Amino acid sequence: MKIVIIDYGAGNIKSIQFAIKRLGFEAILSKDKEDISTADKVIFPGVGEASSALKMLQNSQLDSLIPTLKQPVLGICLGMQLMCHHTEEGDTDGLNIFEVKVKRFSNHLKVPHMGWNTIDNLKSRLFDAVNANEYQYFVHSFYAELSSDTIATTGYGINYSAALMKDNFFGVQFHPEKSGKVGEQILKNFIEL
């Protein structure tokens, strides 16, 4: 199986690669369009600021490639947010895979929201063998609104999307690669889709 982690300069990619290796699989890091197009599974990570991350995607023309992929694609953290319609971070238009707006947490909440939070309302094979109210590790200042694409929820001041799904595209706001056994189960479920 060919698993590709998109390496576009805005990712926490090594920890994802190590988590996949612990599951008994190999993942390659690449920004090559051919590698990504021919992968069985694609992971789209992201850490950092949305507008600069989008510019890096545009520079390598991956912004036009990613929405056309037909294999399972998993966006993690900023990767998921960039798959949305628009984010308030840098007033940035995303890849429009999910018809969802990404908003900044209100000023009365401490940001970034950092630490362990439970996920609930699990509605996808991505969460096979995962119980509601399991803890996942979050680090973010912006959140995806609830929508018809929401497949898991969490709360920090308000309820929002912990995970999204549309067709072959999945996104998680949390970091499964840093979330222990439960996070590894979610990565395993994605690889086995």
N, C-alpha and C. Protein backbone atom coordinates (compact mmCIF):
# COMPACT_ATOMS: atom_id res chain seq x y z
N MET A 1 0.85 -1.19 0.00
CA MET A 1 0.00 0.00 0.00
C MET A 1 0.89 1.24 0.00
N LYS A 2 0.51 2.20 -0.83
CA LYS A 2 1.28 3.45 -0.92
C LYS A 2 0.55 4.55 -0.16
N ILE A 3 1.14 4.98 0.94
CA ILE A 3 0.59 6.06 1.77
C ILE A 3 1.51 7.27 1.60
N VAL A 4 0.94 8.39 1.20
CA VAL A 4 1.72 9.61 1.00
C VAL A 4 1.26 10.68 1.97
N ILE A 5 2.21 11.26 2.68
CA ILE A 5 1.96 12.44 3.52
C ILE A 5 2.42 13.65 2.70
N ILE A 6 1.51 14.58 2.45
CA ILE A 6 1.85 15.74 1.63
C ILE A 6 2.83 16.63 2.39
N ASP A 7 3.98 16.84 1.79
CA ASP A 7 5.07 17.60 2.41
C ASP A 7 5.18 18.95 1.69
N TYR A 8 4.38 19.92 2.14
CA TYR A 8 4.35 21.21 1.46
C TYR A 8 4.92 22.33 2.32
N GLY A 9 5.56 21.97 3.42
CA GLY A 9 6.24 22.96 4.24
C GLY A 9 5.44 23.47 5.41
N ALA A 10 4.24 22.92 5.65
CA ALA A 10 3.41 23.42 6.76
C ALA A 10 2.88 22.25 7.57
N GLY A 11 3.72 21.28 7.85
CA GLY A 11 3.17 20.12 8.50
C GLY A 11 4.00 19.58 9.64
N ASN A 12 3.31 18.89 10.50
CA ASN A 12 3.91 18.17 11.61
C ASN A 12 4.11 16.75 11.10
N ILE A 13 4.94 16.60 10.05
CA ILE A 13 4.91 15.38 9.25
C ILE A 13 5.65 14.20 9.86
N LYS A 14 6.74 14.45 10.55
CA LYS A 14 7.53 13.34 11.08
C LYS A 14 6.75 12.55 12.13
N SER A 15 6.01 13.24 13.00
CA SER A 15 5.26 12.51 14.03
C SER A 15 4.15 11.68 13.40
N ILE A 16 3.57 12.14 12.30
CA ILE A 16 2.55 11.35 11.59
C ILE A 16 3.22 10.12 10.97
N GLN A 17 4.37 10.34 10.35
CA GLN A 17 5.09 9.23 9.72
C GLN A 17 5.46 8.16 10.77
N PHE A 18 5.93 8.59 11.94
CA PHE A 18 6.28 7.65 13.00
C PHE A 18 5.05 6.89 13.51
N ALA A 19 3.92 7.60 13.64
CA ALA A 19 2.68 6.95 14.11
C ALA A 19 2.25 5.87 13.13
N ILE A 20 2.37 6.13 11.85
CA ILE A 20 2.00 5.15 10.83
C ILE A 20 2.96 3.96 10.86
N LYS A 21 4.23 4.25 11.10
CA LYS A 21 5.23 3.17 11.20
C LYS A 21 4.91 2.25 12.40
N ARG A 22 4.47 2.85 13.52
CA ARG A 22 4.10 2.05 14.69
C ARG A 22 2.93 1.11 14.38
N LEU A 23 2.10 1.48 13.40
CA LEU A 23 0.98 0.64 12.98
C LEU A 23 1.40 -0.45 12.00
N GLY A 24 2.68 -0.43 11.59
CA GLY A 24 3.17 -1.46 10.70
C GLY A 24 3.13 -1.09 9.22
N PHE A 25 2.94 0.19 8.93
CA PHE A 25 2.89 0.67 7.55
C PHE A 25 4.02 1.67 7.32
N GLU A 26 4.35 1.89 6.06
CA GLU A 26 5.32 2.91 5.69
C GLU A 26 4.58 4.04 4.99
N ALA A 27 4.96 5.27 5.27
CA ALA A 27 4.41 6.42 4.56
C ALA A 27 5.56 7.24 4.01
N ILE A 28 5.41 7.70 2.78
CA ILE A 28 6.45 8.55 2.20
C ILE A 28 6.01 10.01 2.28
N LEU A 29 6.98 10.90 2.43
CA LEU A 29 6.73 12.34 2.44
C LEU A 29 6.99 12.83 1.03
N SER A 30 6.03 13.56 0.46
CA SER A 30 6.22 14.02 -0.92
C SER A 30 5.35 15.23 -1.23
N LYS A 31 5.86 16.09 -2.11
CA LYS A 31 5.02 17.14 -2.70
C LYS A 31 4.91 16.93 -4.20
N ASP A 32 5.38 15.77 -4.66
CA ASP A 32 5.32 15.43 -6.08
C ASP A 32 3.89 15.05 -6.47
N LYS A 33 3.37 15.70 -7.49
CA LYS A 33 1.97 15.48 -7.88
C LYS A 33 1.72 14.04 -8.31
N GLU A 34 2.68 13.43 -8.96
CA GLU A 34 2.53 12.04 -9.41
C GLU A 34 2.47 11.09 -8.21
N ASP A 35 3.37 11.30 -7.23
CA ASP A 35 3.34 10.49 -6.00
C ASP A 35 1.98 10.58 -5.33
N ILE A 36 1.47 11.80 -5.20
CA ILE A 36 0.21 12.03 -4.50
C ILE A 36 -0.95 11.43 -5.28
N SER A 37 -0.96 11.63 -6.58
CA SER A 37 -2.06 11.13 -7.42
C SER A 37 -2.15 9.61 -7.43
N THR A 38 -1.02 8.94 -7.32
CA THR A 38 -1.00 7.47 -7.42
C THR A 38 -1.02 6.78 -6.05
N ALA A 39 -1.11 7.55 -4.98
CA ALA A 39 -1.14 6.96 -3.64
C ALA A 39 -2.47 6.24 -3.40
N ASP A 40 -2.43 5.23 -2.54
CA ASP A 40 -3.66 4.57 -2.10
C ASP A 40 -4.37 5.40 -1.04
N LYS A 41 -3.57 6.05 -0.19
CA LYS A 41 -4.10 6.92 0.86
C LYS A 41 -3.24 8.17 0.91
N VAL A 42 -3.87 9.33 1.14
CA VAL A 42 -3.16 10.60 1.21
C VAL A 42 -3.47 11.26 2.55
N ILE A 43 -2.43 11.71 3.23
CA ILE A 43 -2.60 12.47 4.48
C ILE A 43 -2.13 13.89 4.24
N PHE A 44 -3.00 14.84 4.58
CA PHE A 44 -2.78 16.27 4.33
C PHE A 44 -2.66 16.96 5.69
N PRO A 45 -1.41 17.07 6.22
CA PRO A 45 -1.23 17.65 7.55
C PRO A 45 -1.19 19.18 7.48
N GLY A 46 -0.99 19.79 8.62
CA GLY A 46 -0.82 21.24 8.62
C GLY A 46 -0.68 21.78 10.02
N VAL A 47 0.33 22.58 10.21
CA VAL A 47 0.54 23.32 11.45
C VAL A 47 1.00 24.70 11.02
N GLY A 48 0.44 25.73 11.61
CA GLY A 48 0.86 27.07 11.23
C GLY A 48 -0.31 27.96 10.88
N GLU A 49 -0.04 28.94 10.03
CA GLU A 49 -1.02 29.98 9.69
C GLU A 49 -1.61 29.70 8.31
N ALA A 50 -2.93 29.86 8.18
CA ALA A 50 -3.67 29.41 7.00
C ALA A 50 -3.23 30.08 5.71
N SER A 51 -3.10 31.41 5.68
CA SER A 51 -2.81 32.08 4.40
C SER A 51 -1.43 31.72 3.89
N SER A 52 -0.42 31.62 4.79
CA SER A 52 0.91 31.22 4.31
C SER A 52 0.93 29.77 3.88
N ALA A 53 0.19 28.89 4.58
CA ALA A 53 0.12 27.49 4.19
C ALA A 53 -0.53 27.35 2.81
N LEU A 54 -1.58 28.13 2.57
CA LEU A 54 -2.24 28.08 1.26
C LEU A 54 -1.30 28.55 0.15
N LYS A 55 -0.50 29.58 0.44
CA LYS A 55 0.48 30.05 -0.56
C LYS A 55 1.47 28.95 -0.91
N MET A 56 1.90 28.19 0.11
CA MET A 56 2.83 27.07 -0.16
C MET A 56 2.17 26.02 -1.03
N LEU A 57 0.88 25.76 -0.78
CA LEU A 57 0.15 24.81 -1.64
C LEU A 57 0.07 25.34 -3.07
N GLN A 58 -0.23 26.63 -3.20
CA GLN A 58 -0.35 27.24 -4.53
C GLN A 58 0.98 27.21 -5.27
N ASN A 59 2.07 27.48 -4.57
CA ASN A 59 3.39 27.48 -5.20
C ASN A 59 3.74 26.13 -5.82
N SER A 60 3.24 25.06 -5.20
CA SER A 60 3.52 23.73 -5.76
C SER A 60 2.31 23.18 -6.53
N GLN A 61 1.31 24.02 -6.76
CA GLN A 61 0.09 23.69 -7.52
C GLN A 61 -0.70 22.54 -6.89
N LEU A 62 -0.49 22.33 -5.61
CA LEU A 62 -1.24 21.27 -4.93
C LEU A 62 -2.65 21.73 -4.56
N ASP A 63 -2.88 23.04 -4.54
CA ASP A 63 -4.22 23.55 -4.25
C ASP A 63 -5.23 23.11 -5.30
N SER A 64 -4.78 22.93 -6.55
CA SER A 64 -5.69 22.46 -7.60
C SER A 64 -5.75 20.94 -7.66
N LEU A 65 -4.69 20.27 -7.21
CA LEU A 65 -4.66 18.80 -7.25
C LEU A 65 -5.51 18.17 -6.15
N ILE A 66 -5.36 18.62 -4.93
CA ILE A 66 -5.98 17.95 -3.78
C ILE A 66 -7.49 17.76 -3.94
N PRO A 67 -8.26 18.78 -4.36
CA PRO A 67 -9.72 18.56 -4.48
C PRO A 67 -10.11 17.54 -5.55
N THR A 68 -9.20 17.19 -6.46
CA THR A 68 -9.53 16.24 -7.54
C THR A 68 -9.20 14.80 -7.17
N LEU A 69 -8.56 14.58 -6.01
CA LEU A 69 -8.14 13.23 -5.64
C LEU A 69 -9.36 12.33 -5.41
N LYS A 70 -9.23 11.07 -5.80
CA LYS A 70 -10.33 10.11 -5.69
C LYS A 70 -10.12 9.08 -4.59
N GLN A 71 -8.87 8.95 -4.11
CA GLN A 71 -8.60 8.00 -3.03
C GLN A 71 -8.91 8.67 -1.68
N PRO A 72 -8.98 7.89 -0.60
CA PRO A 72 -9.21 8.50 0.71
C PRO A 72 -8.11 9.51 1.07
N VAL A 73 -8.54 10.70 1.51
CA VAL A 73 -7.64 11.79 1.89
C VAL A 73 -8.01 12.20 3.31
N LEU A 74 -7.00 12.33 4.19
CA LEU A 74 -7.24 12.74 5.57
C LEU A 74 -6.51 14.04 5.85
N GLY A 75 -7.26 15.10 6.11
CA GLY A 75 -6.69 16.37 6.54
C GLY A 75 -6.59 16.40 8.05
N ILE A 76 -5.44 16.84 8.56
CA ILE A 76 -5.23 16.91 10.00
C ILE A 76 -4.99 18.36 10.41
N CYS A 77 -5.75 18.84 11.40
CA CYS A 77 -5.62 20.18 11.98
C CYS A 77 -5.74 21.26 10.90
N LEU A 78 -4.67 22.00 10.62
CA LEU A 78 -4.74 23.03 9.59
C LEU A 78 -5.06 22.43 8.23
N GLY A 79 -4.61 21.20 7.99
CA GLY A 79 -4.97 20.52 6.74
C GLY A 79 -6.47 20.43 6.57
N MET A 80 -7.19 20.05 7.64
CA MET A 80 -8.65 20.01 7.58
C MET A 80 -9.22 21.40 7.34
N GLN A 81 -8.70 22.40 8.05
CA GLN A 81 -9.23 23.75 7.90
C GLN A 81 -9.04 24.28 6.48
N LEU A 82 -7.92 23.94 5.85
CA LEU A 82 -7.68 24.38 4.48
C LEU A 82 -8.59 23.67 3.49
N MET A 83 -9.16 22.53 3.87
CA MET A 83 -10.11 21.83 3.02
C MET A 83 -11.50 22.48 3.06
N CYS A 84 -11.69 23.42 3.97
CA CYS A 84 -12.98 24.09 4.12
C CYS A 84 -13.13 25.24 3.11
N HIS A 85 -14.32 25.82 3.08
CA HIS A 85 -14.66 26.88 2.14
C HIS A 85 -13.85 28.16 2.40
N HIS A 86 -13.77 28.56 3.65
CA HIS A 86 -13.12 29.83 4.00
C HIS A 86 -12.71 29.79 5.46
N THR A 87 -11.59 30.45 5.76
CA THR A 87 -11.18 30.58 7.16
C THR A 87 -10.96 32.06 7.48
N GLU A 88 -11.36 32.43 8.68
CA GLU A 88 -11.12 33.80 9.15
C GLU A 88 -9.64 34.07 9.36
N GLU A 89 -8.84 33.03 9.50
CA GLU A 89 -7.40 33.22 9.68
C GLU A 89 -6.79 33.73 8.39
N GLY A 90 -6.39 35.00 8.40
CA GLY A 90 -5.83 35.62 7.20
C GLY A 90 -6.86 35.85 6.13
N ASP A 91 -8.18 35.75 6.49
CA ASP A 91 -9.27 35.95 5.52
C ASP A 91 -8.98 35.15 4.25
N THR A 92 -8.84 33.83 4.41
CA THR A 92 -8.32 32.95 3.37
C THR A 92 -9.40 32.03 2.82
N ASP A 93 -9.52 31.99 1.50
CA ASP A 93 -10.39 31.00 0.85
C ASP A 93 -9.65 29.68 0.84
N GLY A 94 -10.36 28.62 1.22
CA GLY A 94 -9.76 27.30 1.26
C GLY A 94 -9.99 26.53 -0.04
N LEU A 95 -9.84 25.21 0.04
CA LEU A 95 -9.96 24.35 -1.14
C LEU A 95 -11.41 24.00 -1.45
N ASN A 96 -12.34 24.40 -0.58
CA ASN A 96 -13.78 24.28 -0.82
C ASN A 96 -14.24 22.83 -0.99
N ILE A 97 -13.57 21.92 -0.33
CA ILE A 97 -14.01 20.53 -0.33
C ILE A 97 -15.21 20.40 0.62
N PHE A 98 -15.09 21.00 1.80
CA PHE A 98 -16.19 21.06 2.76
C PHE A 98 -16.81 22.45 2.68
N GLU A 99 -18.13 22.51 2.57
CA GLU A 99 -18.84 23.80 2.55
C GLU A 99 -18.98 24.30 3.99
N VAL A 100 -17.86 24.61 4.60
CA VAL A 100 -17.82 24.94 6.03
C VAL A 100 -16.95 26.16 6.21
N LYS A 101 -17.36 27.05 7.12
CA LYS A 101 -16.52 28.20 7.46
C LYS A 101 -15.72 27.88 8.72
N VAL A 102 -14.48 28.37 8.73
CA VAL A 102 -13.60 28.22 9.87
C VAL A 102 -13.52 29.57 10.57
N LYS A 103 -13.82 29.59 11.85
CA LYS A 103 -13.90 30.85 12.61
C LYS A 103 -12.92 30.85 13.77
N ARG A 104 -12.60 32.05 14.22
CA ARG A 104 -11.72 32.20 15.39
C ARG A 104 -12.55 32.04 16.66
N PHE A 105 -11.98 31.38 17.67
CA PHE A 105 -12.65 31.31 18.96
C PHE A 105 -12.86 32.72 19.49
N SER A 106 -13.94 32.91 20.22
CA SER A 106 -14.26 34.25 20.73
C SER A 106 -13.19 34.72 21.71
N ASN A 107 -13.14 36.04 21.86
CA ASN A 107 -12.08 36.68 22.65
C ASN A 107 -12.07 36.28 24.12
N HIS A 108 -13.21 35.81 24.64
CA HIS A 108 -13.21 35.45 26.07
C HIS A 108 -12.61 34.07 26.34
N LEU A 109 -12.23 33.35 25.27
CA LEU A 109 -11.58 32.05 25.46
C LEU A 109 -10.08 32.17 25.26
N LYS A 110 -9.33 31.43 26.05
CA LYS A 110 -7.88 31.42 25.90
C LYS A 110 -7.53 30.64 24.62
N VAL A 111 -6.72 31.27 23.77
CA VAL A 111 -6.26 30.57 22.56
C VAL A 111 -4.73 30.60 22.53
N PRO A 112 -4.10 29.60 21.94
CA PRO A 112 -4.79 28.49 21.31
C PRO A 112 -5.46 27.57 22.33
N HIS A 113 -6.53 26.90 21.87
CA HIS A 113 -7.12 25.83 22.64
C HIS A 113 -6.12 24.68 22.55
N MET A 114 -5.52 24.32 23.67
CA MET A 114 -4.45 23.34 23.64
C MET A 114 -4.66 22.33 24.76
N GLY A 115 -4.70 21.06 24.37
CA GLY A 115 -4.83 20.01 25.36
C GLY A 115 -5.81 18.94 24.93
N TRP A 116 -6.25 18.16 25.91
CA TRP A 116 -7.07 16.98 25.65
C TRP A 116 -8.54 17.33 25.75
N ASN A 117 -9.29 16.91 24.75
CA ASN A 117 -10.73 17.12 24.71
C ASN A 117 -11.40 15.85 24.23
N THR A 118 -12.62 15.61 24.69
CA THR A 118 -13.35 14.43 24.23
C THR A 118 -14.02 14.71 22.89
N ILE A 119 -14.21 13.64 22.11
CA ILE A 119 -14.97 13.73 20.86
C ILE A 119 -16.24 12.91 21.02
N ASP A 120 -17.30 13.34 20.35
CA ASP A 120 -18.62 12.75 20.55
C ASP A 120 -19.36 12.73 19.22
N ASN A 121 -20.55 12.13 19.22
CA ASN A 121 -21.39 12.07 18.01
C ASN A 121 -20.63 11.50 16.81
N LEU A 122 -20.00 10.36 17.02
CA LEU A 122 -19.14 9.75 16.00
C LEU A 122 -19.99 9.08 14.93
N LYS A 123 -19.77 9.47 13.66
CA LYS A 123 -20.65 9.01 12.58
C LYS A 123 -19.90 8.53 11.35
N SER A 124 -18.86 7.75 11.50
CA SER A 124 -18.11 7.31 10.33
C SER A 124 -17.30 6.08 10.67
N ARG A 125 -16.95 5.28 9.65
CA ARG A 125 -16.06 4.14 9.83
C ARG A 125 -14.68 4.59 10.32
N LEU A 126 -14.38 5.87 10.17
CA LEU A 126 -13.13 6.42 10.70
C LEU A 126 -13.03 6.18 12.20
N PHE A 127 -14.19 6.04 12.86
CA PHE A 127 -14.22 5.89 14.31
C PHE A 127 -14.59 4.47 14.76
N ASP A 128 -14.43 3.48 13.87
CA ASP A 128 -14.65 2.09 14.28
C ASP A 128 -13.75 1.77 15.47
N ALA A 129 -14.30 1.08 16.46
CA ALA A 129 -13.57 0.68 17.69
C ALA A 129 -13.13 1.87 18.53
N VAL A 130 -13.73 3.04 18.31
CA VAL A 130 -13.48 4.23 19.12
C VAL A 130 -14.79 4.58 19.84
N ASN A 131 -14.72 4.76 21.13
CA ASN A 131 -15.93 5.08 21.90
C ASN A 131 -16.15 6.59 21.94
N ALA A 132 -17.41 6.98 22.04
CA ALA A 132 -17.73 8.40 22.29
C ALA A 132 -17.05 8.81 23.59
N ASN A 133 -16.71 10.07 23.68
CA ASN A 133 -16.08 10.66 24.86
C ASN A 133 -14.64 10.20 25.09
N GLU A 134 -14.00 9.67 24.04
CA GLU A 134 -12.56 9.39 24.12
C GLU A 134 -11.81 10.71 23.95
N TYR A 135 -10.66 10.82 24.58
CA TYR A 135 -9.86 12.05 24.52
C TYR A 135 -8.94 12.07 23.31
N GLN A 136 -8.85 13.24 22.70
CA GLN A 136 -7.93 13.50 21.59
C GLN A 136 -7.16 14.78 21.91
N TYR A 137 -6.00 14.93 21.28
CA TYR A 137 -5.15 16.09 21.57
C TYR A 137 -5.38 17.19 20.52
N PHE A 138 -5.73 18.38 21.00
CA PHE A 138 -6.04 19.54 20.16
C PHE A 138 -5.04 20.67 20.40
N VAL A 139 -4.67 21.39 19.33
CA VAL A 139 -3.91 22.64 19.42
C VAL A 139 -4.39 23.52 18.28
N HIS A 140 -5.23 24.53 18.58
CA HIS A 140 -5.75 25.38 17.50
C HIS A 140 -6.43 26.62 18.07
N SER A 141 -6.48 27.67 17.25
CA SER A 141 -7.14 28.93 17.62
C SER A 141 -8.39 29.17 16.78
N PHE A 142 -8.61 28.34 15.77
CA PHE A 142 -9.75 28.46 14.86
C PHE A 142 -10.47 27.12 14.82
N TYR A 143 -11.76 27.14 14.50
CA TYR A 143 -12.55 25.91 14.52
C TYR A 143 -13.48 25.88 13.31
N ALA A 144 -13.82 24.68 12.87
CA ALA A 144 -14.79 24.48 11.79
C ALA A 144 -16.19 24.41 12.40
N GLU A 145 -17.10 25.19 11.83
CA GLU A 145 -18.47 25.19 12.32
C GLU A 145 -19.12 23.81 12.13
N LEU A 146 -20.19 23.58 12.87
CA LEU A 146 -20.98 22.37 12.67
C LEU A 146 -21.67 22.46 11.32
N SER A 147 -21.77 21.32 10.63
CA SER A 147 -22.41 21.30 9.30
C SER A 147 -22.90 19.90 8.99
N SER A 148 -23.48 19.73 7.82
CA SER A 148 -23.94 18.40 7.41
C SER A 148 -22.76 17.46 7.17
N ASP A 149 -21.54 18.01 7.03
CA ASP A 149 -20.34 17.18 6.85
C ASP A 149 -19.71 16.76 8.18
N THR A 150 -20.23 17.24 9.30
CA THR A 150 -19.66 16.93 10.62
C THR A 150 -19.87 15.45 10.95
N ILE A 151 -18.78 14.76 11.31
CA ILE A 151 -18.88 13.35 11.71
C ILE A 151 -18.40 13.12 13.14
N ALA A 152 -17.98 14.18 13.82
CA ALA A 152 -17.65 14.11 15.25
C ALA A 152 -17.65 15.54 15.77
N THR A 153 -18.03 15.69 17.03
CA THR A 153 -18.09 17.02 17.62
C THR A 153 -17.24 17.06 18.89
N THR A 154 -16.92 18.27 19.29
CA THR A 154 -16.28 18.53 20.57
C THR A 154 -16.68 19.93 20.99
N GLY A 155 -16.23 20.37 22.13
CA GLY A 155 -16.61 21.69 22.59
C GLY A 155 -15.48 22.41 23.30
N TYR A 156 -15.42 23.71 23.04
CA TYR A 156 -14.53 24.60 23.77
C TYR A 156 -15.20 25.97 23.71
N GLY A 157 -15.99 26.27 24.71
CA GLY A 157 -16.82 27.48 24.67
C GLY A 157 -18.09 27.25 23.86
N ILE A 158 -17.97 26.64 22.70
CA ILE A 158 -19.11 26.27 21.85
C ILE A 158 -18.84 24.86 21.31
N ASN A 159 -19.87 24.24 20.76
CA ASN A 159 -19.68 22.96 20.07
C ASN A 159 -19.24 23.24 18.65
N TYR A 160 -18.31 22.44 18.15
CA TYR A 160 -17.83 22.61 16.78
C TYR A 160 -17.42 21.25 16.22
N SER A 161 -17.02 21.24 14.96
CA SER A 161 -16.66 19.99 14.28
C SER A 161 -15.28 19.51 14.72
N ALA A 162 -15.23 18.33 15.31
CA ALA A 162 -13.95 17.69 15.61
C ALA A 162 -13.48 16.92 14.38
N ALA A 163 -14.44 16.54 13.51
CA ALA A 163 -14.09 15.81 12.28
C ALA A 163 -15.17 16.07 11.23
N LEU A 164 -14.72 16.03 9.98
CA LEU A 164 -15.59 16.25 8.82
C LEU A 164 -15.39 15.13 7.81
N MET A 165 -16.42 14.88 7.01
CA MET A 165 -16.29 13.90 5.93
C MET A 165 -17.21 14.29 4.78
N LYS A 166 -16.68 14.18 3.56
CA LYS A 166 -17.48 14.34 2.35
C LYS A 166 -16.86 13.45 1.28
N ASP A 167 -17.63 12.48 0.80
CA ASP A 167 -17.14 11.54 -0.20
C ASP A 167 -15.87 10.85 0.31
N ASN A 168 -14.76 11.00 -0.41
CA ASN A 168 -13.49 10.34 -0.03
C ASN A 168 -12.62 11.23 0.85
N PHE A 169 -13.12 12.39 1.25
CA PHE A 169 -12.34 13.35 2.04
C PHE A 169 -12.76 13.30 3.51
N PHE A 170 -11.75 13.22 4.37
CA PHE A 170 -11.95 13.22 5.82
C PHE A 170 -11.08 14.32 6.42
N GLY A 171 -11.51 14.90 7.50
CA GLY A 171 -10.69 15.88 8.20
C GLY A 171 -10.88 15.74 9.69
N VAL A 172 -9.79 15.88 10.44
CA VAL A 172 -9.88 15.88 11.90
C VAL A 172 -9.16 17.12 12.43
N GLN A 173 -9.81 17.80 13.38
CA GLN A 173 -9.20 18.99 13.96
C GLN A 173 -8.11 18.62 14.95
N PHE A 174 -8.23 17.48 15.57
CA PHE A 174 -7.25 17.03 16.57
C PHE A 174 -6.07 16.36 15.87
N HIS A 175 -5.08 16.00 16.68
CA HIS A 175 -3.87 15.35 16.17
C HIS A 175 -3.89 13.87 16.56
N PRO A 176 -4.36 12.99 15.67
CA PRO A 176 -4.40 11.57 16.05
C PRO A 176 -3.01 11.01 16.32
N GLU A 177 -1.99 11.57 15.65
CA GLU A 177 -0.62 11.07 15.83
C GLU A 177 -0.07 11.40 17.21
N LYS A 178 -0.74 12.30 17.95
CA LYS A 178 -0.31 12.66 19.31
C LYS A 178 -1.34 12.24 20.35
N SER A 179 -2.31 11.42 19.94
CA SER A 179 -3.43 11.09 20.82
C SER A 179 -3.43 9.65 21.31
N GLY A 180 -2.25 9.06 21.43
CA GLY A 180 -2.14 7.74 22.02
C GLY A 180 -2.83 6.65 21.22
N LYS A 181 -3.30 5.62 21.92
CA LYS A 181 -3.89 4.43 21.27
C LYS A 181 -5.15 4.77 20.49
N VAL A 182 -5.96 5.68 21.02
CA VAL A 182 -7.21 6.03 20.33
C VAL A 182 -6.90 6.74 19.01
N GLY A 183 -5.94 7.65 19.04
CA GLY A 183 -5.54 8.33 17.82
C GLY A 183 -4.96 7.37 16.80
N GLU A 184 -4.17 6.42 17.28
CA GLU A 184 -3.60 5.41 16.37
C GLU A 184 -4.70 4.54 15.77
N GLN A 185 -5.75 4.25 16.55
CA GLN A 185 -6.88 3.47 16.01
C GLN A 185 -7.55 4.24 14.86
N ILE A 186 -7.68 5.55 15.02
CA ILE A 186 -8.30 6.36 13.97
C ILE A 186 -7.42 6.35 12.72
N LEU A 187 -6.10 6.48 12.88
CA LEU A 187 -5.20 6.39 11.72
C LEU A 187 -5.28 5.01 11.07
N LYS A 188 -5.33 3.96 11.88
CA LYS A 188 -5.46 2.60 11.36
C LYS A 188 -6.76 2.45 10.57
N ASN A 189 -7.86 2.99 11.12
CA ASN A 189 -9.15 2.92 10.42
C ASN A 189 -9.06 3.63 9.07
N PHE A 190 -8.38 4.77 9.04
CA PHE A 190 -8.24 5.51 7.78
C PHE A 190 -7.46 4.67 6.77
N ILE A 191 -6.34 4.11 7.22
CA ILE A 191 -5.50 3.31 6.31
C ILE A 191 -6.28 2.11 5.78
N GLU A 192 -7.18 1.56 6.60
CA GLU A 192 -7.93 0.36 6.20
C GLU A 192 -9.23 0.67 5.46
N LEU A 193 -9.56 1.93 5.24
CA LEU A 193 -10.79 2.27 4.52
C LEU A 193 -10.77 1.66 3.13
